[in-house]
N, C-alpha and C. Protein backbone atom coordinates (compact mmCIF):
# COMPACT_ATOMS: atom_id res chain seq x y z
N MET A 1 13.14 -5.18 -26.77
CA MET A 1 12.24 -4.08 -26.14
C MET A 1 12.50 -4.12 -24.59
N ASN A 2 12.32 -2.77 -23.98
CA ASN A 2 12.64 -2.69 -22.71
C ASN A 2 11.52 -2.15 -22.00
N TYR A 3 10.78 -2.95 -21.13
CA TYR A 3 9.69 -2.43 -20.36
C TYR A 3 10.15 -2.05 -18.82
N GLN A 4 9.23 -1.00 -18.36
CA GLN A 4 9.50 -0.74 -17.05
C GLN A 4 8.13 -0.67 -16.41
N MET A 5 8.13 -1.07 -15.00
CA MET A 5 7.05 -0.95 -14.15
C MET A 5 6.47 0.55 -14.00
N ILE A 6 5.16 0.78 -14.25
CA ILE A 6 4.82 2.09 -14.08
C ILE A 6 3.93 2.36 -12.91
N HIS A 7 2.76 1.58 -12.81
CA HIS A 7 2.00 1.58 -11.69
C HIS A 7 1.32 0.22 -11.38
N SER A 8 0.79 0.11 -10.18
CA SER A 8 -0.07 -1.13 -9.84
C SER A 8 -1.35 -0.43 -9.17
N CYS A 9 -2.54 -0.95 -9.53
CA CYS A 9 -3.76 -0.48 -9.04
C CYS A 9 -4.53 -1.35 -8.10
N ILE A 10 -5.05 -0.67 -7.11
CA ILE A 10 -6.02 -1.27 -6.16
C ILE A 10 -7.18 -0.47 -6.03
N ARG A 11 -8.30 -1.15 -5.83
CA ARG A 11 -9.58 -0.43 -5.61
C ARG A 11 -9.83 -0.32 -4.16
N VAL A 12 -10.27 0.89 -3.77
CA VAL A 12 -10.44 1.23 -2.34
C VAL A 12 -11.92 1.71 -2.10
N MET A 13 -12.34 1.57 -0.77
CA MET A 13 -13.73 2.06 -0.44
C MET A 13 -13.83 3.45 0.10
N ASP A 14 -12.81 3.93 0.55
CA ASP A 14 -12.63 5.26 1.26
C ASP A 14 -11.27 5.92 0.75
N LEU A 15 -11.35 6.63 -0.20
CA LEU A 15 -10.27 7.11 -0.89
C LEU A 15 -9.32 8.01 0.09
N GLU A 16 -9.80 8.93 0.87
CA GLU A 16 -9.21 9.75 1.82
C GLU A 16 -8.45 8.91 2.89
N LYS A 17 -9.12 7.88 3.41
CA LYS A 17 -8.53 7.04 4.39
C LYS A 17 -7.39 6.21 3.79
N SER A 18 -7.56 5.69 2.56
CA SER A 18 -6.45 5.06 1.97
C SER A 18 -5.23 5.86 1.81
N GLU A 19 -5.59 6.97 1.20
CA GLU A 19 -4.44 8.09 0.96
C GLU A 19 -3.65 8.26 2.28
N GLN A 20 -4.36 8.67 3.31
CA GLN A 20 -3.81 8.76 4.73
C GLN A 20 -2.92 7.64 5.09
N PHE A 21 -3.36 6.50 4.88
CA PHE A 21 -2.70 5.32 5.33
C PHE A 21 -1.35 5.20 4.70
N TYR A 22 -1.36 5.38 3.41
CA TYR A 22 -0.07 5.18 2.64
C TYR A 22 0.90 6.39 2.85
N GLN A 23 0.28 7.66 3.03
CA GLN A 23 1.09 8.78 3.38
C GLN A 23 1.75 8.51 4.87
N GLN A 24 0.89 8.09 5.83
CA GLN A 24 1.39 7.94 7.31
C GLN A 24 2.32 6.67 7.21
N ALA A 25 2.03 5.64 6.76
CA ALA A 25 2.76 4.45 6.91
C ALA A 25 4.06 4.44 6.11
N PHE A 26 4.20 4.99 4.90
CA PHE A 26 5.24 4.89 4.02
C PHE A 26 5.77 6.34 3.60
N GLY A 27 5.18 7.39 3.85
CA GLY A 27 5.74 8.68 3.31
C GLY A 27 5.27 8.93 1.83
N PHE A 28 4.42 8.06 1.32
CA PHE A 28 4.08 8.37 -0.02
C PHE A 28 3.36 9.66 -0.11
N GLU A 29 3.43 10.19 -1.46
CA GLU A 29 2.80 11.47 -1.73
C GLU A 29 1.80 11.38 -2.87
N VAL A 30 0.68 12.08 -2.76
CA VAL A 30 -0.22 12.09 -3.97
C VAL A 30 0.35 12.81 -4.97
N ALA A 31 0.56 12.14 -6.25
CA ALA A 31 1.30 12.79 -7.41
C ALA A 31 0.23 13.44 -8.06
N ARG A 32 -0.83 12.85 -8.25
CA ARG A 32 -2.01 13.46 -8.89
C ARG A 32 -3.21 12.80 -8.70
N ARG A 33 -4.49 13.54 -8.88
CA ARG A 33 -5.73 13.04 -8.55
C ARG A 33 -6.50 13.41 -9.80
N LEU A 34 -7.22 12.28 -10.50
CA LEU A 34 -8.16 12.55 -11.53
C LEU A 34 -9.40 12.24 -11.14
N ASN A 35 -10.24 13.16 -11.19
CA ASN A 35 -11.82 12.97 -10.92
C ASN A 35 -12.58 12.77 -12.19
N PHE A 36 -13.35 11.70 -12.34
CA PHE A 36 -14.26 11.48 -13.32
C PHE A 36 -15.80 11.45 -12.89
N LEU A 37 -16.11 12.65 -12.40
CA LEU A 37 -17.40 12.73 -11.76
C LEU A 37 -18.53 12.13 -12.50
N GLU A 38 -18.66 12.41 -13.90
CA GLU A 38 -19.67 11.95 -14.71
C GLU A 38 -19.74 10.47 -14.86
N HIS A 39 -18.51 9.85 -14.65
CA HIS A 39 -18.37 8.45 -14.74
C HIS A 39 -18.38 7.75 -13.23
N LYS A 40 -18.46 8.58 -12.22
CA LYS A 40 -18.58 8.24 -10.88
C LYS A 40 -17.27 7.42 -10.43
N PHE A 41 -16.00 7.80 -10.72
CA PHE A 41 -14.91 7.21 -10.26
C PHE A 41 -13.75 8.33 -10.09
N THR A 42 -12.81 7.92 -9.17
CA THR A 42 -11.65 8.87 -9.03
C THR A 42 -10.30 7.96 -8.83
N LEU A 43 -9.32 8.55 -9.58
CA LEU A 43 -8.01 7.99 -9.42
C LEU A 43 -7.08 8.88 -8.65
N SER A 44 -6.24 8.22 -7.90
CA SER A 44 -5.35 8.97 -6.95
C SER A 44 -4.06 8.13 -7.24
N TYR A 45 -3.03 8.75 -7.68
CA TYR A 45 -1.67 8.16 -7.85
C TYR A 45 -0.73 8.65 -6.74
N LEU A 46 -0.21 7.72 -6.00
CA LEU A 46 0.69 7.97 -4.96
C LEU A 46 2.08 7.43 -5.40
N ARG A 47 3.15 7.96 -4.85
CA ARG A 47 4.58 7.47 -5.21
C ARG A 47 5.41 7.87 -3.94
N ALA A 48 6.43 7.29 -3.63
CA ALA A 48 7.50 7.47 -2.76
C ALA A 48 8.35 8.77 -3.13
N PRO A 49 8.78 9.63 -2.31
CA PRO A 49 9.48 10.75 -2.71
C PRO A 49 10.75 10.32 -3.41
N GLY A 50 10.73 10.82 -4.67
CA GLY A 50 11.81 10.66 -5.58
C GLY A 50 11.73 9.46 -6.39
N GLY A 51 10.60 8.72 -6.28
CA GLY A 51 10.35 7.36 -6.92
C GLY A 51 9.72 7.70 -8.21
N THR A 52 9.50 6.60 -8.96
CA THR A 52 8.82 6.84 -10.33
C THR A 52 7.61 5.93 -10.20
N PHE A 53 7.65 4.82 -9.63
CA PHE A 53 6.61 3.72 -9.66
C PHE A 53 5.47 4.33 -8.79
N GLU A 54 4.20 4.13 -9.33
CA GLU A 54 3.04 4.58 -8.62
C GLU A 54 2.01 3.63 -8.19
N LEU A 55 1.39 3.90 -7.10
CA LEU A 55 0.26 3.05 -6.68
C LEU A 55 -0.91 3.86 -6.98
N GLU A 56 -1.78 3.14 -7.93
CA GLU A 56 -2.91 3.96 -8.29
C GLU A 56 -4.07 3.34 -7.38
N LEU A 57 -4.83 4.28 -6.65
CA LEU A 57 -5.95 3.94 -5.86
C LEU A 57 -7.22 4.35 -6.66
N THR A 58 -8.06 3.39 -6.89
CA THR A 58 -9.30 3.64 -7.74
C THR A 58 -10.39 3.60 -6.76
N TRP A 59 -11.22 4.59 -6.65
CA TRP A 59 -12.42 4.83 -5.87
C TRP A 59 -13.59 4.85 -6.93
N ASN A 60 -14.44 3.82 -6.82
CA ASN A 60 -15.69 3.72 -7.62
C ASN A 60 -16.73 4.38 -6.68
N HIS A 61 -17.21 5.51 -6.97
CA HIS A 61 -18.22 6.23 -6.02
C HIS A 61 -19.48 5.39 -5.60
N ASP A 62 -19.89 4.50 -6.44
CA ASP A 62 -21.14 3.68 -6.19
C ASP A 62 -20.83 2.43 -5.51
N GLN A 63 -19.52 2.09 -5.32
CA GLN A 63 -19.24 0.74 -4.73
C GLN A 63 -19.82 0.68 -3.12
N LYS A 64 -20.65 -0.14 -2.85
CA LYS A 64 -21.21 -0.29 -1.45
C LYS A 64 -20.58 -1.31 -0.71
N GLN A 65 -20.24 -2.39 -1.39
CA GLN A 65 -19.70 -3.62 -0.65
C GLN A 65 -18.10 -3.64 -0.86
N PRO A 66 -17.47 -4.08 0.30
CA PRO A 66 -15.94 -4.21 0.11
C PRO A 66 -15.61 -5.17 -1.02
N TYR A 67 -14.54 -4.90 -1.65
CA TYR A 67 -14.09 -5.80 -2.77
C TYR A 67 -13.62 -7.07 -2.23
N GLU A 68 -13.83 -8.15 -2.99
CA GLU A 68 -13.40 -9.53 -2.57
C GLU A 68 -11.76 -9.58 -2.97
N LEU A 69 -10.99 -9.73 -1.97
CA LEU A 69 -9.46 -9.77 -2.27
C LEU A 69 -9.04 -11.11 -2.57
N GLY A 70 -9.80 -12.16 -2.41
CA GLY A 70 -9.25 -13.54 -2.89
C GLY A 70 -8.30 -14.15 -1.88
N ASN A 71 -7.75 -15.21 -2.27
CA ASN A 71 -7.03 -15.91 -1.40
C ASN A 71 -5.57 -16.28 -1.99
N GLY A 72 -5.18 -15.41 -2.91
CA GLY A 72 -3.89 -15.69 -3.79
C GLY A 72 -2.76 -15.07 -3.21
N TYR A 73 -2.82 -14.42 -1.89
CA TYR A 73 -1.80 -14.01 -1.27
C TYR A 73 -0.91 -12.90 -2.07
N SER A 74 -1.72 -12.12 -2.80
CA SER A 74 -1.20 -11.03 -3.39
C SER A 74 -0.90 -9.93 -2.52
N HIS A 75 0.21 -9.09 -2.72
CA HIS A 75 0.57 -8.08 -1.90
C HIS A 75 1.54 -7.08 -2.62
N LEU A 76 1.60 -5.89 -1.88
CA LEU A 76 2.73 -4.92 -2.45
C LEU A 76 3.76 -5.07 -1.50
N ALA A 77 4.84 -4.52 -1.93
CA ALA A 77 6.09 -4.64 -1.15
C ALA A 77 6.87 -3.32 -1.17
N VAL A 78 7.32 -2.92 0.04
CA VAL A 78 8.19 -1.74 0.15
C VAL A 78 9.43 -2.09 0.86
N GLY A 79 10.51 -1.46 0.49
CA GLY A 79 11.79 -1.71 1.23
C GLY A 79 12.23 -0.68 2.19
N VAL A 80 12.80 -1.08 3.29
CA VAL A 80 13.40 -0.21 4.37
C VAL A 80 14.69 -0.78 4.91
N LYS A 81 15.59 0.12 5.21
CA LYS A 81 16.96 -0.30 5.82
C LYS A 81 16.81 -0.94 7.20
N ASP A 82 16.15 -0.17 8.07
CA ASP A 82 15.98 -0.48 9.47
C ASP A 82 14.74 -1.21 9.78
N LEU A 83 14.51 -2.53 9.57
CA LEU A 83 13.33 -3.04 9.65
C LEU A 83 12.68 -3.09 11.11
N ALA A 84 13.56 -3.25 11.99
CA ALA A 84 12.96 -3.18 13.43
C ALA A 84 12.50 -1.86 13.83
N ALA A 85 13.16 -0.73 13.32
CA ALA A 85 12.59 0.51 13.58
C ALA A 85 11.39 0.86 12.91
N SER A 86 11.32 0.32 11.68
CA SER A 86 9.92 0.43 10.92
C SER A 86 8.86 -0.20 11.72
N HIS A 87 9.11 -1.37 12.03
CA HIS A 87 8.11 -2.34 12.82
C HIS A 87 7.68 -1.50 14.00
N ARG A 88 8.53 -1.06 14.80
CA ARG A 88 8.21 -0.20 16.02
C ARG A 88 7.51 1.08 15.72
N ARG A 89 7.71 1.66 14.66
CA ARG A 89 7.02 2.90 14.14
C ARG A 89 5.65 2.48 13.81
N HIS A 90 5.39 1.49 13.11
CA HIS A 90 4.00 1.13 12.61
C HIS A 90 3.19 0.57 13.75
N THR A 91 3.91 0.03 14.69
CA THR A 91 3.16 -0.36 15.97
C THR A 91 2.78 0.82 16.76
N GLU A 92 3.74 1.83 16.77
CA GLU A 92 3.33 3.09 17.58
C GLU A 92 2.20 3.89 16.86
N LEU A 93 2.06 3.77 15.52
CA LEU A 93 1.13 4.47 14.76
C LEU A 93 -0.17 3.74 14.94
N GLY A 94 -0.27 2.53 15.60
CA GLY A 94 -1.46 1.70 15.66
C GLY A 94 -1.81 1.09 14.32
N LEU A 95 -0.80 0.72 13.45
CA LEU A 95 -1.21 0.11 12.23
C LEU A 95 -1.13 -1.41 12.51
N ASN A 96 -0.83 -1.95 13.42
CA ASN A 96 -0.91 -3.39 13.85
C ASN A 96 -0.21 -4.21 12.89
N PRO A 97 1.24 -3.88 12.72
CA PRO A 97 1.90 -4.90 11.82
C PRO A 97 2.00 -6.18 12.54
N MET A 98 2.11 -7.21 11.52
CA MET A 98 2.14 -8.53 11.91
C MET A 98 3.78 -8.77 12.57
N PRO A 99 4.03 -9.85 13.20
CA PRO A 99 5.34 -10.09 13.68
C PRO A 99 6.47 -10.19 12.60
N LEU A 100 7.54 -9.77 12.97
CA LEU A 100 8.82 -9.83 12.12
C LEU A 100 9.08 -11.34 11.69
N LYS A 101 9.40 -11.67 10.57
CA LYS A 101 9.66 -12.91 10.11
C LYS A 101 10.81 -13.03 9.29
N GLY A 102 11.24 -14.24 9.18
CA GLY A 102 12.39 -14.57 8.39
C GLY A 102 12.01 -16.07 7.59
N LEU A 103 12.72 -16.14 6.57
CA LEU A 103 12.37 -17.32 5.73
C LEU A 103 12.94 -18.61 6.36
N ALA A 104 12.26 -19.57 6.37
CA ALA A 104 12.70 -20.88 7.01
C ALA A 104 13.22 -20.66 8.35
N GLY A 105 12.82 -19.93 9.11
CA GLY A 105 13.27 -19.64 10.61
C GLY A 105 14.45 -18.84 10.68
N GLY A 106 14.87 -18.15 9.59
CA GLY A 106 16.11 -17.44 9.61
C GLY A 106 15.94 -16.00 10.19
N GLU A 107 16.91 -15.19 9.91
CA GLU A 107 16.89 -13.84 10.57
C GLU A 107 15.59 -13.18 10.02
N ALA A 108 15.29 -12.23 10.82
CA ALA A 108 14.01 -11.33 10.56
C ALA A 108 14.39 -10.58 9.30
N ARG A 109 13.58 -10.68 8.30
CA ARG A 109 13.81 -10.06 6.90
C ARG A 109 12.48 -9.23 6.44
N PHE A 110 11.43 -9.39 7.12
CA PHE A 110 10.17 -8.79 6.59
C PHE A 110 9.01 -8.90 7.66
N TYR A 111 7.85 -8.07 7.43
CA TYR A 111 6.67 -8.25 8.03
C TYR A 111 5.55 -7.68 7.16
N PHE A 112 4.46 -7.96 7.63
CA PHE A 112 3.28 -7.42 6.77
C PHE A 112 2.45 -6.49 7.60
N LEU A 113 1.66 -5.64 6.85
CA LEU A 113 0.55 -5.05 7.53
C LEU A 113 -0.46 -4.87 6.60
N SER A 114 -1.79 -4.52 7.03
CA SER A 114 -2.84 -4.52 6.16
C SER A 114 -3.15 -2.94 5.86
N ASP A 115 -3.62 -2.62 4.80
CA ASP A 115 -4.28 -1.17 4.61
C ASP A 115 -5.70 -1.18 4.98
N PRO A 116 -6.40 -0.08 4.89
CA PRO A 116 -7.90 0.04 5.37
C PRO A 116 -8.67 -0.93 4.49
N ASP A 117 -8.43 -1.24 3.40
CA ASP A 117 -9.17 -2.41 2.61
C ASP A 117 -8.84 -3.66 2.82
N GLY A 118 -7.77 -4.10 3.47
CA GLY A 118 -7.38 -5.44 3.71
C GLY A 118 -6.18 -5.90 2.75
N TYR A 119 -5.85 -4.98 2.04
CA TYR A 119 -4.57 -5.38 1.06
C TYR A 119 -3.23 -5.45 1.93
N LEU A 120 -2.56 -6.52 1.72
CA LEU A 120 -1.45 -6.64 2.43
C LEU A 120 -0.21 -5.90 1.80
N VAL A 121 0.61 -5.26 2.74
CA VAL A 121 1.83 -4.59 2.29
C VAL A 121 2.83 -5.14 3.02
N GLU A 122 3.91 -5.86 2.36
CA GLU A 122 5.11 -6.42 2.86
C GLU A 122 6.21 -5.45 3.11
N VAL A 123 6.79 -5.39 4.14
CA VAL A 123 7.88 -4.38 4.47
C VAL A 123 9.07 -5.30 4.57
N VAL A 124 10.08 -4.98 3.60
CA VAL A 124 11.18 -5.82 3.37
C VAL A 124 12.44 -5.26 3.78
N LYS A 125 13.38 -5.73 4.52
CA LYS A 125 14.64 -5.23 4.86
C LYS A 125 15.56 -5.26 3.52
N VAL A 126 16.01 -4.06 3.11
CA VAL A 126 16.84 -4.03 2.00
C VAL A 126 18.35 -3.53 2.26
């Protein structure tokens, strides 16, 4: 059997703010949005241009408190060829990326930034 990754879901407090973050930071596009008004939730599926993997943003309309993210260091990851240029761009956009890092003190290979709900996104040099 052959399985492929389809999507990953995160729950968000402000759907429009989260969509804007992923669009601005990474160029993701809203592939589709499903509103379940009678059940008080909305699903928004974003993907990179030309990509097939989707990030599902779930907005539960009645959620009043931020979600607990835990301490498991869970995160999403995106790849970019020019890591330094990406870091500068995210800095200029006011997205407050964390410093460039390398494994075990090696060459810079990645950095993290947080989305509006505090989910970490790792930007990795590919």
